[in-house]
Amino acid sequence: ALAAALALPAAARIQVVTDARIALAGALQGKPGAILIAGTGSIAY
């Protein structure tokens, strides 16, 4: 749905993941480990 709505080039790559996944990537810069998120909801990833 996003690929259609954003009108991206055919060669553009698009990936949808959970918000916890990008939080983990940002928190540890791609290194192994865990993130614990507690806002309105909560999860450990």
ModelCIF file with pLDDT and N, C-alpha, C, O atoms, coordinates in Angstrom:
data_MODEL
#
_entry.id   MODEL 
#
_entity.id                         1 
_entity.type                       polymer 
_entity.pdbx_number_of_molecules   1 
#
_entity_poly.entity_id                      1 
_entity_poly.type                           'polypeptide(L)' 
_entity_poly.nstd_linkage                   no 
_entity_poly.nstd_monomer                   no 
_entity_poly.pdbx_seq_one_letter_code       ALAAALALPAAARIQVVTDARIALAGALQGKPGAILIAGTGSIAY 
_entity_poly.pdbx_seq_one_letter_code_can   ALAAALALPAAARIQVVTDARIALAGALQGKPGAILIAGTGSIAY 
_entity_poly.pdbx_strand_id                 A 
#
loop_
_entity_poly_seq.entity_id 
_entity_poly_seq.num 
_entity_poly_seq.mon_id 
_entity_poly_seq.hetero 
1 1  ALA n 
1 2  LEU n 
1 3  ALA n 
1 4  ALA n 
1 5  ALA n 
1 6  LEU n 
1 7  ALA n 
1 8  LEU n 
1 9  PRO n 
1 10 ALA n 
1 11 ALA n 
1 12 ALA n 
1 13 ARG n 
1 14 ILE n 
1 15 GLN n 
1 16 VAL n 
1 17 VAL n 
1 18 THR n 
1 19 ASP n 
1 20 ALA n 
1 21 ARG n 
1 22 ILE n 
1 23 ALA n 
1 24 LEU n 
1 25 ALA n 
1 26 GLY n 
1 27 ALA n 
1 28 LEU n 
1 29 GLN n 
1 30 GLY n 
1 31 LYS n 
1 32 PRO n 
1 33 GLY n 
1 34 ALA n 
1 35 ILE n 
1 36 LEU n 
1 37 ILE n 
1 38 ALA n 
1 39 GLY n 
1 40 THR n 
1 41 GLY n 
1 42 SER n 
1 43 ILE n 
1 44 ALA n 
1 45 TYR n 
#
_struct_asym.id          A 
_struct_asym.entity_id   1 
#
loop_
_ma_qa_metric.id 
_ma_qa_metric.mode 
_ma_qa_metric.name 
_ma_qa_metric.software_group_id 
_ma_qa_metric.type 
1 global pLDDT . pLDDT 
2 local  pLDDT . pLDDT 
#
_ma_qa_metric_global.metric_id      1 
_ma_qa_metric_global.metric_value   92.07 
_ma_qa_metric_global.model_id       1 
_ma_qa_metric_global.ordinal_id     1 
#
loop_
_ma_qa_metric_local.label_asym_id 
_ma_qa_metric_local.label_comp_id 
_ma_qa_metric_local.label_seq_id 
_ma_qa_metric_local.metric_id 
_ma_qa_metric_local.metric_value 
_ma_qa_metric_local.model_id 
_ma_qa_metric_local.ordinal_id 
A ALA 1  2 93.00 1 1  
A LEU 2  2 94.00 1 2  
A ALA 3  2 91.00 1 3  
A ALA 4  2 90.00 1 4  
A ALA 5  2 93.00 1 5  
A LEU 6  2 90.00 1 6  
A ALA 7  2 88.00 1 7  
A LEU 8  2 88.00 1 8  
A PRO 9  2 89.00 1 9  
A ALA 10 2 87.00 1 10 
A ALA 11 2 89.00 1 11 
A ALA 12 2 92.00 1 12 
A ARG 13 2 94.00 1 13 
A ILE 14 2 95.00 1 14 
A GLN 15 2 96.00 1 15 
A VAL 16 2 96.00 1 16 
A VAL 17 2 95.00 1 17 
A THR 18 2 91.00 1 18 
A ASP 19 2 90.00 1 19 
A ALA 20 2 91.00 1 20 
A ARG 21 2 93.00 1 21 
A ILE 22 2 95.00 1 22 
A ALA 23 2 93.00 1 23 
A LEU 24 2 94.00 1 24 
A ALA 25 2 95.00 1 25 
A GLY 26 2 94.00 1 26 
A ALA 27 2 94.00 1 27 
A LEU 28 2 94.00 1 28 
A GLN 29 2 91.00 1 29 
A GLY 30 2 86.00 1 30 
A LYS 31 2 92.00 1 31 
A PRO 32 2 94.00 1 32 
A GLY 33 2 96.00 1 33 
A ALA 34 2 96.00 1 34 
A ILE 35 2 95.00 1 35 
A LEU 36 2 95.00 1 36 
A ILE 37 2 91.00 1 37 
A ALA 38 2 92.00 1 38 
A GLY 39 2 87.00 1 39 
A THR 40 2 85.00 1 40 
A GLY 41 2 87.00 1 41 
A SER 42 2 91.00 1 42 
A ILE 43 2 92.00 1 43 
A ALA 44 2 95.00 1 44 
A TYR 45 2 94.00 1 45 
#
loop_
_atom_site.group_PDB 
_atom_site.id 
_atom_site.type_symbol 
_atom_site.label_atom_id 
_atom_site.label_alt_id 
_atom_site.label_comp_id 
_atom_site.label_asym_id 
_atom_site.label_entity_id 
_atom_site.label_seq_id 
_atom_site.pdbx_PDB_ins_code 
_atom_site.Cartn_x 
_atom_site.Cartn_y 
_atom_site.Cartn_z 
_atom_site.occupancy 
_atom_site.B_iso_or_equiv 
_atom_site.pdbx_formal_charge 
_atom_site.auth_seq_id 
_atom_site.auth_comp_id 
_atom_site.auth_asym_id 
_atom_site.auth_atom_id 
_atom_site.pdbx_PDB_model_num 
ATOM 1   N N  . ALA A 1 1  ? 0.825  -1.205 0.000  1.00 93.00 ? 1  ALA A N  1 
ATOM 2   C CA . ALA A 1 1  ? 0.000  0.000  0.000  1.00 93.00 ? 1  ALA A CA 1 
ATOM 3   C C  . ALA A 1 1  ? 0.860  1.256  0.000  1.00 93.00 ? 1  ALA A C  1 
ATOM 4   O O  . ALA A 1 1  ? 0.521  2.238  -0.661 1.00 93.00 ? 1  ALA A O  1 
ATOM 5   N N  . LEU A 1 2  ? 1.973  1.236  0.737  1.00 94.00 ? 2  LEU A N  1 
ATOM 6   C CA . LEU A 1 2  ? 2.856  2.397  0.784  1.00 94.00 ? 2  LEU A CA 1 
ATOM 7   C C  . LEU A 1 2  ? 3.566  2.612  -0.545 1.00 94.00 ? 2  LEU A C  1 
ATOM 8   O O  . LEU A 1 2  ? 3.723  3.750  -0.988 1.00 94.00 ? 2  LEU A O  1 
ATOM 9   N N  . ALA A 1 3  ? 3.996  1.527  -1.184 1.00 91.00 ? 3  ALA A N  1 
ATOM 10  C CA . ALA A 1 3  ? 4.662  1.658  -2.469 1.00 91.00 ? 3  ALA A CA 1 
ATOM 11  C C  . ALA A 1 3  ? 3.756  2.361  -3.473 1.00 91.00 ? 3  ALA A C  1 
ATOM 12  O O  . ALA A 1 3  ? 4.212  3.185  -4.266 1.00 91.00 ? 3  ALA A O  1 
ATOM 13  N N  . ALA A 1 4  ? 2.467  2.026  -3.429 1.00 90.00 ? 4  ALA A N  1 
ATOM 14  C CA . ALA A 1 4  ? 1.516  2.658  -4.348 1.00 90.00 ? 4  ALA A CA 1 
ATOM 15  C C  . ALA A 1 4  ? 1.257  4.108  -3.968 1.00 90.00 ? 4  ALA A C  1 
ATOM 16  O O  . ALA A 1 4  ? 1.209  4.983  -4.832 1.00 90.00 ? 4  ALA A O  1 
ATOM 17  N N  . ALA A 1 5  ? 1.090  4.360  -2.671 1.00 93.00 ? 5  ALA A N  1 
ATOM 18  C CA . ALA A 1 5  ? 0.732  5.710  -2.213 1.00 93.00 ? 5  ALA A CA 1 
ATOM 19  C C  . ALA A 1 5  ? 1.878  6.701  -2.384 1.00 93.00 ? 5  ALA A C  1 
ATOM 20  O O  . ALA A 1 5  ? 1.640  7.877  -2.661 1.00 93.00 ? 5  ALA A O  1 
ATOM 21  N N  . LEU A 1 6  ? 3.111  6.243  -2.224 1.00 90.00 ? 6  LEU A N  1 
ATOM 22  C CA . LEU A 1 6  ? 4.257  7.153  -2.279 1.00 90.00 ? 6  LEU A CA 1 
ATOM 23  C C  . LEU A 1 6  ? 4.753  7.404  -3.698 1.00 90.00 ? 6  LEU A C  1 
ATOM 24  O O  . LEU A 1 6  ? 5.576  8.294  -3.913 1.00 90.00 ? 6  LEU A O  1 
ATOM 25  N N  . ALA A 1 7  ? 4.269  6.642  -4.657 1.00 88.00 ? 7  ALA A N  1 
ATOM 26  C CA . ALA A 1 7  ? 4.664  6.806  -6.064 1.00 88.00 ? 7  ALA A CA 1 
ATOM 27  C C  . ALA A 1 7  ? 6.179  6.764  -6.230 1.00 88.00 ? 7  ALA A C  1 
ATOM 28  O O  . ALA A 1 7  ? 6.769  7.637  -6.867 1.00 88.00 ? 7  ALA A O  1 
ATOM 29  N N  . LEU A 1 8  ? 6.803  5.735  -5.648 1.00 88.00 ? 8  LEU A N  1 
ATOM 30  C CA . LEU A 1 8  ? 8.258  5.612  -5.707 1.00 88.00 ? 8  LEU A CA 1 
ATOM 31  C C  . LEU A 1 8  ? 8.697  5.004  -7.031 1.00 88.00 ? 8  LEU A C  1 
ATOM 32  O O  . LEU A 1 8  ? 7.901  4.358  -7.713 1.00 88.00 ? 8  LEU A O  1 
ATOM 33  N N  . PRO A 1 9  ? 9.956  5.208  -7.397 1.00 89.00 ? 9  PRO A N  1 
ATOM 34  C CA . PRO A 1 9  ? 10.476 4.559  -8.606 1.00 89.00 ? 9  PRO A CA 1 
ATOM 35  C C  . PRO A 1 9  ? 10.403 3.039  -8.487 1.00 89.00 ? 9  PRO A C  1 
ATOM 36  O O  . PRO A 1 9  ? 10.410 2.500  -7.380 1.00 89.00 ? 9  PRO A O  1 
ATOM 37  N N  . ALA A 1 10 ? 10.333 2.354  -9.612 1.00 87.00 ? 10 ALA A N  1 
ATOM 38  C CA . ALA A 1 10 ? 10.226 0.897  -9.601 1.00 87.00 ? 10 ALA A CA 1 
ATOM 39  C C  . ALA A 1 10 ? 11.428 0.249  -8.914 1.00 87.00 ? 10 ALA A C  1 
ATOM 40  O O  . ALA A 1 10 ? 11.303 -0.821 -8.319 1.00 87.00 ? 10 ALA A O  1 
ATOM 41  N N  . ALA A 1 11 ? 12.587 0.897  -8.995 1.00 89.00 ? 11 ALA A N  1 
ATOM 42  C CA . ALA A 1 11 ? 13.802 0.322  -8.405 1.00 89.00 ? 11 ALA A CA 1 
ATOM 43  C C  . ALA A 1 11 ? 13.912 0.576  -6.900 1.00 89.00 ? 11 ALA A C  1 
ATOM 44  O O  . ALA A 1 11 ? 14.763 -0.020 -6.240 1.00 89.00 ? 11 ALA A O  1 
ATOM 45  N N  . ALA A 1 12 ? 13.082 1.435  -6.357 1.00 92.00 ? 12 ALA A N  1 
ATOM 46  C CA . ALA A 1 12 ? 13.166 1.761  -4.929 1.00 92.00 ? 12 ALA A CA 1 
ATOM 47  C C  . ALA A 1 12 ? 12.772 0.552  -4.082 1.00 92.00 ? 12 ALA A C  1 
ATOM 48  O O  . ALA A 1 12 ? 11.847 -0.186 -4.422 1.00 92.00 ? 12 ALA A O  1 
ATOM 49  N N  . ARG A 1 13 ? 13.476 0.366  -2.996 1.00 94.00 ? 13 ARG A N  1 
ATOM 50  C CA . ARG A 1 13 ? 13.192 -0.739 -2.083 1.00 94.00 ? 13 ARG A CA 1 
ATOM 51  C C  . ARG A 1 13 ? 12.395 -0.211 -0.893 1.00 94.00 ? 13 ARG A C  1 
ATOM 52  O O  . ARG A 1 13 ? 12.644 0.894  -0.411 1.00 94.00 ? 13 ARG A O  1 
ATOM 53  N N  . ILE A 1 14 ? 11.434 -1.010 -0.424 1.00 95.00 ? 14 ILE A N  1 
ATOM 54  C CA . ILE A 1 14 ? 10.621 -0.598 0.706  1.00 95.00 ? 14 ILE A CA 1 
ATOM 55  C C  . ILE A 1 14 ? 10.452 -1.763 1.659  1.00 95.00 ? 14 ILE A C  1 
ATOM 56  O O  . ILE A 1 14 ? 10.177 -2.890 1.247  1.00 95.00 ? 14 ILE A O  1 
ATOM 57  N N  . GLN A 1 15 ? 10.620 -1.479 2.927  1.00 96.00 ? 15 GLN A N  1 
ATOM 58  C CA . GLN A 1 15 ? 10.518 -2.495 3.964  1.00 96.00 ? 15 GLN A CA 1 
ATOM 59  C C  . GLN A 1 15 ? 9.654  -1.955 5.099  1.00 96.00 ? 15 GLN A C  1 
ATOM 60  O O  . GLN A 1 15 ? 9.846  -0.821 5.538  1.00 96.00 ? 15 GLN A O  1 
ATOM 61  N N  . VAL A 1 16 ? 8.708  -2.756 5.574  1.00 96.00 ? 16 VAL A N  1 
ATOM 62  C CA . VAL A 1 16 ? 7.900  -2.401 6.733  1.00 96.00 ? 16 VAL A CA 1 
ATOM 63  C C  . VAL A 1 16 ? 8.227  -3.386 7.850  1.00 96.00 ? 16 VAL A C  1 
ATOM 64  O O  . VAL A 1 16 ? 8.171  -4.600 7.655  1.00 96.00 ? 16 VAL A O  1 
ATOM 65  N N  . VAL A 1 17 ? 8.563  -2.857 9.007  1.00 95.00 ? 17 VAL A N  1 
ATOM 66  C CA . VAL A 1 17 ? 8.869  -3.665 10.181 1.00 95.00 ? 17 VAL A CA 1 
ATOM 67  C C  . VAL A 1 17 ? 8.100  -3.082 11.359 1.00 95.00 ? 17 VAL A C  1 
ATOM 68  O O  . VAL A 1 17 ? 7.464  -2.035 11.238 1.00 95.00 ? 17 VAL A O  1 
ATOM 69  N N  . THR A 1 18 ? 8.161  -3.759 12.484 1.00 91.00 ? 18 THR A N  1 
ATOM 70  C CA . THR A 1 18 ? 7.544  -3.217 13.686 1.00 91.00 ? 18 THR A CA 1 
ATOM 71  C C  . THR A 1 18 ? 8.336  -2.020 14.200 1.00 91.00 ? 18 THR A C  1 
ATOM 72  O O  . THR A 1 18 ? 9.538  -1.916 13.959 1.00 91.00 ? 18 THR A O  1 
ATOM 73  N N  . ASP A 1 19 ? 7.666  -1.124 14.901 1.00 90.00 ? 19 ASP A N  1 
ATOM 74  C CA . ASP A 1 19 ? 8.364  0.048  15.438 1.00 90.00 ? 19 ASP A CA 1 
ATOM 75  C C  . ASP A 1 19 ? 9.434  -0.338 16.450 1.00 90.00 ? 19 ASP A C  1 
ATOM 76  O O  . ASP A 1 19 ? 10.395 0.406  16.649 1.00 90.00 ? 19 ASP A O  1 
ATOM 77  N N  . ALA A 1 20 ? 9.276  -1.493 17.092 1.00 91.00 ? 20 ALA A N  1 
ATOM 78  C CA . ALA A 1 20 ? 10.305 -1.950 18.033 1.00 91.00 ? 20 ALA A CA 1 
ATOM 79  C C  . ALA A 1 20 ? 11.611 -2.273 17.312 1.00 91.00 ? 20 ALA A C  1 
ATOM 80  O O  . ALA A 1 20 ? 12.692 -2.097 17.874 1.00 91.00 ? 20 ALA A O  1 
ATOM 81  N N  . ARG A 1 21 ? 11.515 -2.743 16.074 1.00 93.00 ? 21 ARG A N  1 
ATOM 82  C CA . ARG A 1 21 ? 12.723 -3.106 15.320 1.00 93.00 ? 21 ARG A CA 1 
ATOM 83  C C  . ARG A 1 21 ? 13.577 -1.881 15.015 1.00 93.00 ? 21 ARG A C  1 
ATOM 84  O O  . ARG A 1 21 ? 14.799 -1.936 15.153 1.00 93.00 ? 21 ARG A O  1 
ATOM 85  N N  . ILE A 1 22 ? 12.958 -0.780 14.606 1.00 95.00 ? 22 ILE A N  1 
ATOM 86  C CA . ILE A 1 22 ? 13.752 0.415  14.305 1.00 95.00 ? 22 ILE A CA 1 
ATOM 87  C C  . ILE A 1 22 ? 14.253 1.065  15.591 1.00 95.00 ? 22 ILE A C  1 
ATOM 88  O O  . ILE A 1 22 ? 15.316 1.685  15.606 1.00 95.00 ? 22 ILE A O  1 
ATOM 89  N N  . ALA A 1 23 ? 13.479 0.920  16.678 1.00 93.00 ? 23 ALA A N  1 
ATOM 90  C CA . ALA A 1 23 ? 13.958 1.440  17.962 1.00 93.00 ? 23 ALA A CA 1 
ATOM 91  C C  . ALA A 1 23 ? 15.211 0.709  18.406 1.00 93.00 ? 23 ALA A C  1 
ATOM 92  O O  . ALA A 1 23 ? 16.137 1.323  18.935 1.00 93.00 ? 23 ALA A O  1 
ATOM 93  N N  . LEU A 1 24 ? 15.245 -0.604 18.193 1.00 94.00 ? 24 LEU A N  1 
ATOM 94  C CA . LEU A 1 24 ? 16.426 -1.408 18.523 1.00 94.00 ? 24 LEU A CA 1 
ATOM 95  C C  . LEU A 1 24 ? 17.610 -0.989 17.673 1.00 94.00 ? 24 LEU A C  1 
ATOM 96  O O  . LEU A 1 24 ? 18.722 -0.838 18.178 1.00 94.00 ? 24 LEU A O  1 
ATOM 97  N N  . ALA A 1 25 ? 17.370 -0.799 16.369 1.00 95.00 ? 25 ALA A N  1 
ATOM 98  C CA . ALA A 1 25 ? 18.459 -0.396 15.472 1.00 95.00 ? 25 ALA A CA 1 
ATOM 99  C C  . ALA A 1 25 ? 19.037 0.953  15.872 1.00 95.00 ? 25 ALA A C  1 
ATOM 100 O O  . ALA A 1 25 ? 20.254 1.137  15.860 1.00 95.00 ? 25 ALA A O  1 
ATOM 101 N N  . GLY A 1 26 ? 18.176 1.891  16.224 1.00 94.00 ? 26 GLY A N  1 
ATOM 102 C CA . GLY A 1 26 ? 18.652 3.209  16.637 1.00 94.00 ? 26 GLY A CA 1 
ATOM 103 C C  . GLY A 1 26 ? 19.359 3.175  17.973 1.00 94.00 ? 26 GLY A C  1 
ATOM 104 O O  . GLY A 1 26 ? 20.383 3.833  18.163 1.00 94.00 ? 26 GLY A O  1 
ATOM 105 N N  . ALA A 1 27 ? 18.815 2.413  18.892 1.00 94.00 ? 27 ALA A N  1 
ATOM 106 C CA . ALA A 1 27 ? 19.353 2.387  20.255 1.00 94.00 ? 27 ALA A CA 1 
ATOM 107 C C  . ALA A 1 27 ? 20.755 1.805  20.322 1.00 94.00 ? 27 ALA A C  1 
ATOM 108 O O  . ALA A 1 27 ? 21.621 2.340  21.015 1.00 94.00 ? 27 ALA A O  1 
ATOM 109 N N  . LEU A 1 28 ? 20.984 0.701  19.599 1.00 94.00 ? 28 LEU A N  1 
ATOM 110 C CA . LEU A 1 28 ? 22.267 0.004  19.677 1.00 94.00 ? 28 LEU A CA 1 
ATOM 111 C C  . LEU A 1 28 ? 23.051 0.069  18.373 1.00 94.00 ? 28 LEU A C  1 
ATOM 112 O O  . LEU A 1 28 ? 24.064 -0.614 18.223 1.00 94.00 ? 28 LEU A O  1 
ATOM 113 N N  . GLN A 1 29 ? 22.590 0.888  17.426 1.00 91.00 ? 29 GLN A N  1 
ATOM 114 C CA . GLN A 1 29 ? 23.285 1.097  16.148 1.00 91.00 ? 29 GLN A CA 1 
ATOM 115 C C  . GLN A 1 29 ? 23.590 -0.209 15.425 1.00 91.00 ? 29 GLN A C  1 
ATOM 116 O O  . GLN A 1 29 ? 24.668 -0.395 14.860 1.00 91.00 ? 29 GLN A O  1 
ATOM 117 N N  . GLY A 1 30 ? 22.594 -1.121 15.459 1.00 86.00 ? 30 GLY A N  1 
ATOM 118 C CA . GLY A 1 30 ? 22.710 -2.372 14.725 1.00 86.00 ? 30 GLY A CA 1 
ATOM 119 C C  . GLY A 1 30 ? 23.432 -3.482 15.450 1.00 86.00 ? 30 GLY A C  1 
ATOM 120 O O  . GLY A 1 30 ? 23.519 -4.592 14.926 1.00 86.00 ? 30 GLY A O  1 
ATOM 121 N N  . LYS A 1 31 ? 23.960 -3.225 16.650 1.00 92.00 ? 31 LYS A N  1 
ATOM 122 C CA . LYS A 1 31 ? 24.701 -4.241 17.397 1.00 92.00 ? 31 LYS A CA 1 
ATOM 123 C C  . LYS A 1 31 ? 23.754 -5.145 18.179 1.00 92.00 ? 31 LYS A C  1 
ATOM 124 O O  . LYS A 1 31 ? 22.623 -4.750 18.463 1.00 92.00 ? 31 LYS A O  1 
ATOM 125 N N  . PRO A 1 32 ? 24.203 -6.369 18.535 1.00 94.00 ? 32 PRO A N  1 
ATOM 126 C CA . PRO A 1 32 ? 23.352 -7.268 19.331 1.00 94.00 ? 32 PRO A CA 1 
ATOM 127 C C  . PRO A 1 32 ? 23.029 -6.669 20.696 1.00 94.00 ? 32 PRO A C  1 
ATOM 128 O O  . PRO A 1 32 ? 23.825 -5.920 21.263 1.00 94.00 ? 32 PRO A O  1 
ATOM 129 N N  . GLY A 1 33 ? 21.863 -7.007 21.209 1.00 96.00 ? 33 GLY A N  1 
ATOM 130 C CA . GLY A 1 33 ? 21.423 -6.512 22.497 1.00 96.00 ? 33 GLY A CA 1 
ATOM 131 C C  . GLY A 1 33 ? 19.918 -6.379 22.509 1.00 96.00 ? 33 GLY A C  1 
ATOM 132 O O  . GLY A 1 33 ? 19.233 -6.868 21.610 1.00 96.00 ? 33 GLY A O  1 
ATOM 133 N N  . ALA A 1 34 ? 19.409 -5.718 23.523 1.00 96.00 ? 34 ALA A N  1 
ATOM 134 C CA . ALA A 1 34 ? 17.967 -5.612 23.704 1.00 96.00 ? 34 ALA A CA 1 
ATOM 135 C C  . ALA A 1 34 ? 17.545 -4.164 23.890 1.00 96.00 ? 34 ALA A C  1 
ATOM 136 O O  . ALA A 1 34 ? 18.321 -3.319 24.337 1.00 96.00 ? 34 ALA A O  1 
ATOM 137 N N  . ILE A 1 35 ? 16.313 -3.905 23.540 1.00 95.00 ? 35 ILE A N  1 
ATOM 138 C CA . ILE A 1 35 ? 15.709 -2.618 23.876 1.00 95.00 ? 35 ILE A CA 1 
ATOM 139 C C  . ILE A 1 35 ? 14.422 -2.886 24.633 1.00 95.00 ? 35 ILE A C  1 
ATOM 140 O O  . ILE A 1 35 ? 13.661 -3.794 24.296 1.00 95.00 ? 35 ILE A O  1 
ATOM 141 N N  . LEU A 1 36 ? 14.195 -2.096 25.643 1.00 95.00 ? 36 LEU A N  1 
ATOM 142 C CA . LEU A 1 36 ? 12.977 -2.165 26.439 1.00 95.00 ? 36 LEU A CA 1 
ATOM 143 C C  . LEU A 1 36 ? 12.221 -0.868 26.225 1.00 95.00 ? 36 LEU A C  1 
ATOM 144 O O  . LEU A 1 36 ? 12.720 0.212  26.540 1.00 95.00 ? 36 LEU A O  1 
ATOM 145 N N  . ILE A 1 37 ? 11.021 -0.982 25.691 1.00 91.00 ? 37 ILE A N  1 
ATOM 146 C CA . ILE A 1 37 ? 10.225 0.196  25.346 1.00 91.00 ? 37 ILE A CA 1 
ATOM 147 C C  . ILE A 1 37 ? 9.004  0.248  26.257 1.00 91.00 ? 37 ILE A C  1 
ATOM 148 O O  . ILE A 1 37 ? 8.265  -0.729 26.377 1.00 91.00 ? 37 ILE A O  1 
ATOM 149 N N  . ALA A 1 38 ? 8.803  1.383  26.890 1.00 92.00 ? 38 ALA A N  1 
ATOM 150 C CA . ALA A 1 38 ? 7.611  1.577  27.715 1.00 92.00 ? 38 ALA A CA 1 
ATOM 151 C C  . ALA A 1 38 ? 7.080  2.978  27.487 1.00 92.00 ? 38 ALA A C  1 
ATOM 152 O O  . ALA A 1 38 ? 7.580  3.949  28.057 1.00 92.00 ? 38 ALA A O  1 
ATOM 153 N N  . GLY A 1 39 ? 6.077  3.070  26.661 1.00 87.00 ? 39 GLY A N  1 
ATOM 154 C CA . GLY A 1 39 ? 5.367  4.324  26.426 1.00 87.00 ? 39 GLY A CA 1 
ATOM 155 C C  . GLY A 1 39 ? 3.913  4.069  26.717 1.00 87.00 ? 39 GLY A C  1 
ATOM 156 O O  . GLY A 1 39 ? 3.575  3.622  27.813 1.00 87.00 ? 39 GLY A O  1 
ATOM 157 N N  . THR A 1 40 ? 3.038  4.341  25.764 1.00 85.00 ? 40 THR A N  1 
ATOM 158 C CA . THR A 1 40 ? 1.641  3.954  25.928 1.00 85.00 ? 40 THR A CA 1 
ATOM 159 C C  . THR A 1 40 ? 1.542  2.447  26.071 1.00 85.00 ? 40 THR A C  1 
ATOM 160 O O  . THR A 1 40 ? 0.768  1.954  26.892 1.00 85.00 ? 40 THR A O  1 
ATOM 161 N N  . GLY A 1 41 ? 2.318  1.702  25.279 1.00 87.00 ? 41 GLY A N  1 
ATOM 162 C CA . GLY A 1 41 ? 2.414  0.247  25.399 1.00 87.00 ? 41 GLY A CA 1 
ATOM 163 C C  . GLY A 1 41 ? 3.814  -0.146 25.829 1.00 87.00 ? 41 GLY A C  1 
ATOM 164 O O  . GLY A 1 41 ? 4.617  0.712  26.194 1.00 87.00 ? 41 GLY A O  1 
ATOM 165 N N  . SER A 1 42 ? 4.114  -1.446 25.787 1.00 91.00 ? 42 SER A N  1 
ATOM 166 C CA . SER A 1 42 ? 5.451  -1.898 26.187 1.00 91.00 ? 42 SER A CA 1 
ATOM 167 C C  . SER A 1 42 ? 5.839  -3.147 25.406 1.00 91.00 ? 42 SER A C  1 
ATOM 168 O O  . SER A 1 42 ? 4.984  -3.919 24.972 1.00 91.00 ? 42 SER A O  1 
ATOM 169 N N  . ILE A 1 43 ? 7.147  -3.329 25.236 1.00 92.00 ? 43 ILE A N  1 
ATOM 170 C CA . ILE A 1 43 ? 7.705  -4.516 24.589 1.00 92.00 ? 43 ILE A CA 1 
ATOM 171 C C  . ILE A 1 43 ? 9.198  -4.572 24.872 1.00 92.00 ? 43 ILE A C  1 
ATOM 172 O O  . ILE A 1 43 ? 9.844  -3.541 25.060 1.00 92.00 ? 43 ILE A O  1 
ATOM 173 N N  . ALA A 1 44 ? 9.740  -5.782 24.902 1.00 95.00 ? 44 ALA A N  1 
ATOM 174 C CA . ALA A 1 44 ? 11.189 -5.988 24.913 1.00 95.00 ? 44 ALA A CA 1 
ATOM 175 C C  . ALA A 1 44 ? 11.543 -6.675 23.599 1.00 95.00 ? 44 ALA A C  1 
ATOM 176 O O  . ALA A 1 44 ? 10.910 -7.658 23.213 1.00 95.00 ? 44 ALA A O  1 
ATOM 177 N N  . TYR A 1 45 ? 12.557 -6.152 22.918 1.00 94.00 ? 45 TYR A N  1 
ATOM 178 C CA . TYR A 1 45 ? 12.904 -6.634 21.586 1.00 94.00 ? 45 TYR A CA 1 
ATOM 179 C C  . TYR A 1 45 ? 14.412 -6.732 21.498 1.00 94.00 ? 45 TYR A C  1 
ATOM 180 O O  . TYR A 1 45 ? 14.945 -7.120 20.458 1.00 94.00 ? 45 TYR A O  1 
#
